[in-house]
Amino acid sequence: MAKSPEQEHPVKAFGWAARDSCGHLSPFKFSRRATGDKDVTFKVLYCGICHSDLHCIKNEWRDSVYPMVPGHEIVGVVTEVGPEVTKFKVGDKVGVGCLVGSCHSCESCVNDLENYCPEWILTYNSKYTDGTITYGGYSDIMVADEHFVVAIPDNLPLDGAAPLLCAGITVYSPLRHYGLDKPGLHVGVVGLGGLGHMAVKFAKAMGVKVTVISTSPSKREEAVGLLGPIHF
């Protein structure tokens, strides 16, 4: 007989879960695995809300598994590390994004492109290698392989750091990957929403000239007044 989410693992956890596609979350007791040799366990202090969370909660991508604890922009403070962990210690500020596992051996993994790994393990609505369901950051505790944990600088507020783990990397990665991070270049940012404003900030920090492209005249004040000097 299959164990309940609260009995699958030894560490008790609490979160907010979607039980069906209605869009509502409710209190949910479940469990996390014990800290493994290469694991980092941390107390969750903040978790961003990504629109993909809403897609998953409402089963708009037709692959949702309930009950579901969403959240993949997770930050907190380390409470325990495994004996083989080398990058983190208790008390460190850390974060976890969209992935918590991969095969570590395919061409994509070897080239630090784990998001293309055919055996990737998503932070929630996915399965660990033991067949148990992954639960995300709308919870009080997180356990993850240190390979998928990132350090949060002390001078970066944790609440502001959380969205960088999905929205932030979504725009930072192409700027770096396509060489658009060189001073003197000129990039266009289409839209000034959750991702767009981060793209503007990153590009400006890289010394790149920025033009915001939008069909909403109301965005001009935000673009130029709050994020300027940029073009609109």
C-alpha atoms as a PDB file:
ATOM      1  CA  MET A   1       0.000   0.000   0.000  1.00  0.00           C
ATOM      2  CA  ALA A   2       1.374   3.405  -0.998  1.00  0.00           C
ATOM      3  CA  LYS A   3       2.385   5.729   1.805  1.00  0.00           C
ATOM      4  CA  SER A   4       0.731   9.102   2.252  1.00  0.00           C
ATOM      5  CA  PRO A   5       2.764  12.259   1.492  1.00  0.00           C
ATOM      6  CA  GLU A   6       3.152  12.768   5.240  1.00  0.00           C
ATOM      7  CA  GLN A   7       4.677   9.294   5.677  1.00  0.00           C
ATOM      8  CA  GLU A   8       6.924   8.990   2.611  1.00  0.00           C
ATOM      9  CA  HIS A   9       9.980  10.568   4.224  1.00  0.00           C
ATOM     10  CA  PRO A  10      11.240  11.053   7.797  1.00  0.00           C
ATOM     11  CA  VAL A  11      11.244  14.872   7.965  1.00  0.00           C
ATOM     12  CA  LYS A  12       7.872  16.477   8.611  1.00  0.00           C
ATOM     13  CA  ALA A  13       6.997  19.476   6.459  1.00  0.00           C
ATOM     14  CA  PHE A  14       4.143  21.917   6.045  1.00  0.00           C
ATOM     15  CA  GLY A  15       3.065  23.766   2.936  1.00  0.00           C
ATOM     16  CA  TRP A  16       0.230  25.121   0.858  1.00  0.00           C
ATOM     17  CA  ALA A  17      -1.077  22.757  -1.787  1.00  0.00           C
ATOM     18  CA  ALA A  18      -3.462  22.678  -4.703  1.00  0.00           C
ATOM     19  CA  ARG A  19      -5.756  19.666  -4.373  1.00  0.00           C
ATOM     20  CA  ASP A  20      -7.346  20.078  -7.805  1.00  0.00           C
ATOM     21  CA  SER A  21      -7.474  22.508 -10.724  1.00  0.00           C
ATOM     22  CA  CYS A  22      -9.830  25.022  -9.082  1.00  0.00           C
ATOM     23  CA  GLY A  23      -6.915  27.353  -8.324  1.00  0.00           C
ATOM     24  CA  HIS A  24      -7.192  27.349  -4.535  1.00  0.00           C
ATOM     25  CA  LEU A  25      -4.413  26.392  -2.114  1.00  0.00           C
ATOM     26  CA  SER A  26      -4.952  24.921   1.336  1.00  0.00           C
ATOM     27  CA  PRO A  27      -2.751  23.814   4.268  1.00  0.00           C
ATOM     28  CA  PHE A  28      -0.931  20.568   3.558  1.00  0.00           C
ATOM     29  CA  LYS A  29       1.175  18.270   5.714  1.00  0.00           C
ATOM     30  CA  PHE A  30       3.795  16.220   3.890  1.00  0.00           C
ATOM     31  CA  SER A  31       7.394  15.091   4.367  1.00  0.00           C
ATOM     32  CA  ARG A  32      10.891  15.718   3.059  1.00  0.00           C
ATOM     33  CA  ARG A  33      13.754  13.265   2.813  1.00  0.00           C
ATOM     34  CA  ALA A  34      16.460  13.302   5.465  1.00  0.00           C
ATOM     35  CA  THR A  35      19.564  15.294   4.576  1.00  0.00           C
ATOM     36  CA  GLY A  36      21.653  13.090   2.289  1.00  0.00           C
ATOM     37  CA  ASP A  37      25.418  13.086   1.845  1.00  0.00           C
ATOM     38  CA  LYS A  38      25.309  15.821  -0.802  1.00  0.00           C
ATOM     39  CA  ASP A  39      22.131  17.547   0.355  1.00  0.00           C
ATOM     40  CA  VAL A  40      21.502  21.015   1.711  1.00  0.00           C
ATOM     41  CA  THR A  41      18.503  21.474   3.996  1.00  0.00           C
ATOM     42  CA  PHE A  42      17.232  24.995   4.568  1.00  0.00           C
ATOM     43  CA  LYS A  43      14.402  26.853   6.209  1.00  0.00           C
ATOM     44  CA  VAL A  44      12.282  28.530   3.544  1.00  0.00           C
ATOM     45  CA  LEU A  45      11.838  32.232   4.236  1.00  0.00           C
ATOM     46  CA  TYR A  46      10.535  33.505   0.893  1.00  0.00           C
ATOM     47  CA  CYS A  47       9.214  32.027  -2.331  1.00  0.00           C
ATOM     48  CA  GLY A  48       8.299  33.992  -5.428  1.00  0.00           C
ATOM     49  CA  ILE A  49       5.076  33.492  -7.354  1.00  0.00           C
ATOM     50  CA  CYS A  50       5.724  32.709 -11.014  1.00  0.00           C
ATOM     51  CA  HIS A  51       2.936  32.626 -13.573  1.00  0.00           C
ATOM     52  CA  SER A  52       3.941  29.065 -14.406  1.00  0.00           C
ATOM     53  CA  ASP A  53       2.873  28.208 -10.847  1.00  0.00           C
ATOM     54  CA  LEU A  54      -0.610  29.369 -11.783  1.00  0.00           C
ATOM     55  CA  HIS A  55      -0.547  27.298 -14.980  1.00  0.00           C
ATOM     56  CA  CYS A  56       0.396  24.215 -12.978  1.00  0.00           C
ATOM     57  CA  ILE A  57      -2.063  24.823 -10.147  1.00  0.00           C
ATOM     58  CA  LYS A  58      -4.908  25.077 -12.668  1.00  0.00           C
ATOM     59  CA  ASN A  59      -3.605  22.184 -14.807  1.00  0.00           C
ATOM     60  CA  GLU A  60      -3.464  24.422 -17.863  1.00  0.00           C
ATOM     61  CA  TRP A  61      -0.519  22.401 -19.202  1.00  0.00           C
ATOM     62  CA  ARG A  62      -2.428  19.134 -18.660  1.00  0.00           C
ATOM     63  CA  ASP A  63       0.306  17.426 -16.643  1.00  0.00           C
ATOM     64  CA  SER A  64      -0.467  18.430 -13.057  1.00  0.00           C
ATOM     65  CA  VAL A  65      -0.295  15.885 -10.245  1.00  0.00           C
ATOM     66  CA  TYR A  66      -2.263  16.619  -7.080  1.00  0.00           C
ATOM     67  CA  PRO A  67      -1.802  17.392  -4.290  1.00  0.00           C
ATOM     68  CA  MET A  68       0.765  19.911  -5.536  1.00  0.00           C
ATOM     69  CA  VAL A  69       2.962  22.269  -3.525  1.00  0.00           C
ATOM     70  CA  PRO A  70       4.082  24.909  -6.064  1.00  0.00           C
ATOM     71  CA  GLY A  71       6.985  27.336  -5.922  1.00  0.00           C
ATOM     72  CA  HIS A  72      10.378  27.369  -7.651  1.00  0.00           C
ATOM     73  CA  GLU A  73      11.827  30.723  -6.586  1.00  0.00           C
ATOM     74  CA  ILE A  74      12.855  29.573  -3.128  1.00  0.00           C
ATOM     75  CA  VAL A  75      15.227  31.268  -0.687  1.00  0.00           C
ATOM     76  CA  GLY A  76      16.104  30.668   2.932  1.00  0.00           C
ATOM     77  CA  VAL A  77      18.813  29.871   5.464  1.00  0.00           C
ATOM     78  CA  VAL A  78      20.725  26.583   5.694  1.00  0.00           C
ATOM     79  CA  THR A  79      19.936  24.461   8.744  1.00  0.00           C
ATOM     80  CA  GLU A  80      21.852  21.280   7.879  1.00  0.00           C
ATOM     81  CA  VAL A  81      24.304  19.992   5.274  1.00  0.00           C
ATOM     82  CA  GLY A  82      25.403  16.494   4.323  1.00  0.00           C
ATOM     83  CA  PRO A  83      28.957  15.270   5.016  1.00  0.00           C
ATOM     84  CA  GLU A  84      30.004  15.571   1.355  1.00  0.00           C
ATOM     85  CA  VAL A  85      28.712  19.118   0.862  1.00  0.00           C
ATOM     86  CA  THR A  86      31.558  21.528   0.096  1.00  0.00           C
ATOM     87  CA  LYS A  87      29.866  24.747  -1.012  1.00  0.00           C
ATOM     88  CA  PHE A  88      27.601  25.566   1.932  1.00  0.00           C
ATOM     89  CA  LYS A  89      27.447  25.591   5.704  1.00  0.00           C
ATOM     90  CA  VAL A  90      24.775  26.088   8.340  1.00  0.00           C
ATOM     91  CA  GLY A  91      23.625  29.710   8.410  1.00  0.00           C
ATOM     92  CA  ASP A  92      24.310  30.438   4.735  1.00  0.00           C
ATOM     93  CA  LYS A  93      21.658  32.214   2.681  1.00  0.00           C
ATOM     94  CA  VAL A  94      20.709  30.054  -0.287  1.00  0.00           C
ATOM     95  CA  GLY A  95      18.175  29.549  -3.032  1.00  0.00           C
ATOM     96  CA  VAL A  96      16.721  26.850  -5.290  1.00  0.00           C
ATOM     97  CA  GLY A  97      15.190  27.479  -8.695  1.00  0.00           C
ATOM     98  CA  CYS A  98      13.325  25.329 -11.207  1.00  0.00           C
ATOM     99  CA  LEU A  99      15.403  22.145 -10.960  1.00  0.00           C
ATOM    100  CA  VAL A 100      16.391  19.818  -8.131  1.00  0.00           C
ATOM    101  CA  GLY A 101      17.889  16.943 -10.081  1.00  0.00           C
ATOM    102  CA  SER A 102      19.302  15.544 -13.335  1.00  0.00           C
ATOM    103  CA  CYS A 103      21.348  12.560 -14.513  1.00  0.00           C
ATOM    104  CA  HIS A 104      24.714  14.401 -14.178  1.00  0.00           C
ATOM    105  CA  SER A 105      26.181  12.341 -17.021  1.00  0.00           C
ATOM    106  CA  CYS A 106      24.519  13.219 -20.343  1.00  0.00           C
ATOM    107  CA  GLU A 107      26.002  15.749 -22.762  1.00  0.00           C
ATOM    108  CA  SER A 108      23.721  18.489 -21.481  1.00  0.00           C
ATOM    109  CA  CYS A 109      24.631  17.905 -17.837  1.00  0.00           C
ATOM    110  CA  VAL A 110      28.352  17.726 -18.611  1.00  0.00           C
ATOM    111  CA  ASN A 111      28.043  21.125 -20.300  1.00  0.00           C
ATOM    112  CA  ASP A 112      26.120  22.694 -17.393  1.00  0.00           C
ATOM    113  CA  LEU A 113      22.859  22.625 -19.345  1.00  0.00           C
ATOM    114  CA  GLU A 114      20.891  20.472 -16.932  1.00  0.00           C
ATOM    115  CA  ASN A 115      17.659  22.099 -18.065  1.00  0.00           C
ATOM    116  CA  TYR A 116      18.030  20.075 -21.295  1.00  0.00           C
ATOM    117  CA  CYS A 117      18.681  16.788 -19.492  1.00  0.00           C
ATOM    118  CA  PRO A 118      16.107  14.135 -20.506  1.00  0.00           C
ATOM    119  CA  GLU A 119      16.032  12.989 -16.882  1.00  0.00           C
ATOM    120  CA  TRP A 120      15.632  16.389 -15.268  1.00  0.00           C
ATOM    121  CA  ILE A 121      13.747  16.599 -11.989  1.00  0.00           C
ATOM    122  CA  LEU A 122      11.628  19.702 -11.557  1.00  0.00           C
ATOM    123  CA  THR A 123      11.331  21.364  -8.176  1.00  0.00           C
ATOM    124  CA  TYR A 124       7.670  20.399  -7.999  1.00  0.00           C
ATOM    125  CA  ASN A 125       5.123  18.370  -9.962  1.00  0.00           C
ATOM    126  CA  SER A 126       7.877  15.915 -10.847  1.00  0.00           C
ATOM    127  CA  LYS A 127       9.329  12.690  -9.417  1.00  0.00           C
ATOM    128  CA  TYR A 128      12.546  11.896  -7.596  1.00  0.00           C
ATOM    129  CA  THR A 129      14.480   8.804  -8.642  1.00  0.00           C
ATOM    130  CA  ASP A 130      12.746   6.848  -5.861  1.00  0.00           C
ATOM    131  CA  GLY A 131       9.364   7.600  -7.427  1.00  0.00           C
ATOM    132  CA  THR A 132       8.132  10.052  -4.789  1.00  0.00           C
ATOM    133  CA  ILE A 133       6.668  13.396  -5.819  1.00  0.00           C
ATOM    134  CA  THR A 134       8.642  16.632  -5.601  1.00  0.00           C
ATOM    135  CA  TYR A 135       7.099  19.481  -3.622  1.00  0.00           C
ATOM    136  CA  GLY A 136       8.039  23.124  -4.088  1.00  0.00           C
ATOM    137  CA  GLY A 137       8.737  26.210  -2.068  1.00  0.00           C
ATOM    138  CA  TYR A 138       5.315  27.139  -0.743  1.00  0.00           C
ATOM    139  CA  SER A 139       6.495  25.286   2.334  1.00  0.00           C
ATOM    140  CA  ASP A 140       8.547  25.636   5.489  1.00  0.00           C
ATOM    141  CA  ILE A 141      11.564  23.472   4.631  1.00  0.00           C
ATOM    142  CA  MET A 142      13.488  22.436   1.518  1.00  0.00           C
ATOM    143  CA  VAL A 143      16.038  19.679   0.859  1.00  0.00           C
ATOM    144  CA  ALA A 144      18.078  19.663  -2.348  1.00  0.00           C
ATOM    145  CA  ASP A 145      21.307  18.368  -3.843  1.00  0.00           C
ATOM    146  CA  GLU A 146      23.936  21.088  -3.411  1.00  0.00           C
ATOM    147  CA  HIS A 147      24.492  21.083  -7.191  1.00  0.00           C
ATOM    148  CA  PHE A 148      21.096  22.754  -7.562  1.00  0.00           C
ATOM    149  CA  VAL A 149      21.500  25.178  -4.663  1.00  0.00           C
ATOM    150  CA  VAL A 150      22.865  28.690  -5.192  1.00  0.00           C
ATOM    151  CA  ALA A 151      24.399  31.113  -2.714  1.00  0.00           C
ATOM    152  CA  ILE A 152      22.606  34.393  -1.994  1.00  0.00           C
ATOM    153  CA  PRO A 153      24.980  37.321  -1.277  1.00  0.00           C
ATOM    154  CA  ASP A 154      24.633  38.894   2.155  1.00  0.00           C
ATOM    155  CA  ASN A 155      23.983  42.325   0.624  1.00  0.00           C
ATOM    156  CA  LEU A 156      21.003  41.076  -1.401  1.00  0.00           C
ATOM    157  CA  PRO A 157      17.657  41.092   0.470  1.00  0.00           C
ATOM    158  CA  LEU A 158      16.161  37.614   0.453  1.00  0.00           C
ATOM    159  CA  ASP A 159      12.693  38.774  -0.567  1.00  0.00           C
ATOM    160  CA  GLY A 160      14.168  40.500  -3.610  1.00  0.00           C
ATOM    161  CA  ALA A 161      16.413  37.551  -4.425  1.00  0.00           C
ATOM    162  CA  ALA A 162      13.610  35.010  -4.806  1.00  0.00           C
ATOM    163  CA  PRO A 163      12.293  36.161  -8.235  1.00  0.00           C
ATOM    164  CA  LEU A 164      15.826  36.117  -9.639  1.00  0.00           C
ATOM    165  CA  LEU A 165      15.754  32.313  -9.489  1.00  0.00           C
ATOM    166  CA  CYS A 166      13.302  32.083 -12.396  1.00  0.00           C
ATOM    167  CA  ALA A 167      12.307  35.458 -13.833  1.00  0.00           C
ATOM    168  CA  GLY A 168      15.825  36.775 -13.320  1.00  0.00           C
ATOM    169  CA  ILE A 169      17.725  33.892 -14.879  1.00  0.00           C
ATOM    170  CA  THR A 170      15.230  33.782 -17.766  1.00  0.00           C
ATOM    171  CA  VAL A 171      16.496  37.156 -18.998  1.00  0.00           C
ATOM    172  CA  TYR A 172      20.053  37.077 -17.617  1.00  0.00           C
ATOM    173  CA  SER A 173      20.902  33.810 -19.375  1.00  0.00           C
ATOM    174  CA  PRO A 174      20.208  34.956 -22.978  1.00  0.00           C
ATOM    175  CA  LEU A 175      22.009  38.245 -22.401  1.00  0.00           C
ATOM    176  CA  ARG A 176      25.121  36.281 -21.445  1.00  0.00           C
ATOM    177  CA  HIS A 177      24.645  33.346 -23.832  1.00  0.00           C
ATOM    178  CA  TYR A 178      24.295  35.528 -26.927  1.00  0.00           C
ATOM    179  CA  GLY A 179      27.036  37.960 -25.950  1.00  0.00           C
ATOM    180  CA  LEU A 180      24.664  40.855 -25.330  1.00  0.00           C
ATOM    181  CA  ASP A 181      26.443  41.794 -22.114  1.00  0.00           C
ATOM    182  CA  LYS A 182      29.161  43.963 -23.675  1.00  0.00           C
ATOM    183  CA  PRO A 183      29.281  47.731 -22.997  1.00  0.00           C
ATOM    184  CA  GLY A 184      28.338  49.727 -26.070  1.00  0.00           C
ATOM    185  CA  LEU A 185      25.856  47.222 -27.474  1.00  0.00           C
ATOM    186  CA  HIS A 186      22.194  48.145 -27.918  1.00  0.00           C
ATOM    187  CA  VAL A 187      19.418  45.709 -26.970  1.00  0.00           C
ATOM    188  CA  GLY A 188      15.656  45.899 -27.231  1.00  0.00           C
ATOM    189  CA  VAL A 189      13.430  44.605 -24.445  1.00  0.00           C
ATOM    190  CA  VAL A 190       9.918  43.710 -25.592  1.00  0.00           C
ATOM    191  CA  GLY A 191       7.445  44.366 -22.801  1.00  0.00           C
ATOM    192  CA  LEU A 192       8.032  45.768 -19.331  1.00  0.00           C
ATOM    193  CA  GLY A 193       6.462  43.200 -17.064  1.00  0.00           C
ATOM    194  CA  GLY A 194       7.941  40.863 -14.495  1.00  0.00           C
ATOM    195  CA  LEU A 195      10.738  39.727 -16.807  1.00  0.00           C
ATOM    196  CA  GLY A 196      11.132  42.894 -18.856  1.00  0.00           C
ATOM    197  CA  HIS A 197      12.050  45.175 -15.974  1.00  0.00           C
ATOM    198  CA  MET A 198      14.699  42.682 -14.840  1.00  0.00           C
ATOM    199  CA  ALA A 199      16.128  42.535 -18.357  1.00  0.00           C
ATOM    200  CA  VAL A 200      16.431  46.323 -18.329  1.00  0.00           C
ATOM    201  CA  LYS A 201      18.208  46.312 -14.970  1.00  0.00           C
ATOM    202  CA  PHE A 202      20.633  43.566 -15.979  1.00  0.00           C
ATOM    203  CA  ALA A 203      21.412  45.176 -19.335  1.00  0.00           C
ATOM    204  CA  LYS A 204      22.038  48.569 -17.756  1.00  0.00           C
ATOM    205  CA  ALA A 205      24.323  46.998 -15.151  1.00  0.00           C
ATOM    206  CA  MET A 206      26.265  45.418 -18.032  1.00  0.00           C
ATOM    207  CA  GLY A 207      26.721  48.815 -19.661  1.00  0.00           C
ATOM    208  CA  VAL A 208      24.369  48.056 -22.537  1.00  0.00           C
ATOM    209  CA  LYS A 209      22.154  50.667 -24.196  1.00  0.00           C
ATOM    210  CA  VAL A 210      18.489  49.701 -23.754  1.00  0.00           C
ATOM    211  CA  THR A 211      15.306  50.423 -25.676  1.00  0.00           C
ATOM    212  CA  VAL A 212      12.010  49.228 -24.209  1.00  0.00           C
ATOM    213  CA  ILE A 213       9.411  48.226 -26.803  1.00  0.00           C
ATOM    214  CA  SER A 214       5.814  48.334 -25.617  1.00  0.00           C
ATOM    215  CA  THR A 215       2.311  48.932 -26.956  1.00  0.00           C
ATOM    216  CA  SER A 216       1.290  50.464 -23.614  1.00  0.00           C
ATOM    217  CA  PRO A 217       2.002  54.215 -23.422  1.00  0.00           C
ATOM    218  CA  SER A 218       1.527  54.041 -19.648  1.00  0.00           C
ATOM    219  CA  LYS A 219       4.750  52.044 -19.436  1.00  0.00           C
ATOM    220  CA  ARG A 220       6.799  55.049 -20.583  1.00  0.00           C
ATOM    221  CA  GLU A 221       6.855  56.697 -17.158  1.00  0.00           C
ATOM    222  CA  GLU A 222       7.852  53.441 -15.497  1.00  0.00           C
ATOM    223  CA  ALA A 223      10.500  52.700 -18.109  1.00  0.00           C
ATOM    224  CA  VAL A 224      12.102  56.124 -18.251  1.00  0.00           C
ATOM    225  CA  GLY A 225      11.181  57.528 -14.854  1.00  0.00           C
ATOM    226  CA  LEU A 226      11.998  54.534 -12.679  1.00  0.00           C
ATOM    227  CA  LEU A 227      14.481  52.549 -14.759  1.00  0.00           C
ATOM    228  CA  GLY A 228      16.028  55.307 -16.903  1.00  0.00           C
ATOM    229  CA  PRO A 229      18.032  56.558 -18.596  1.00  0.00           C
ATOM    230  CA  ILE A 230      16.744  54.273 -21.349  1.00  0.00           C
ATOM    231  CA  HIS A 231      14.887  54.667 -24.641  1.00  0.00           C
ATOM    232  CA  PHE A 232      11.218  53.862 -25.097  1.00  0.00           C
END
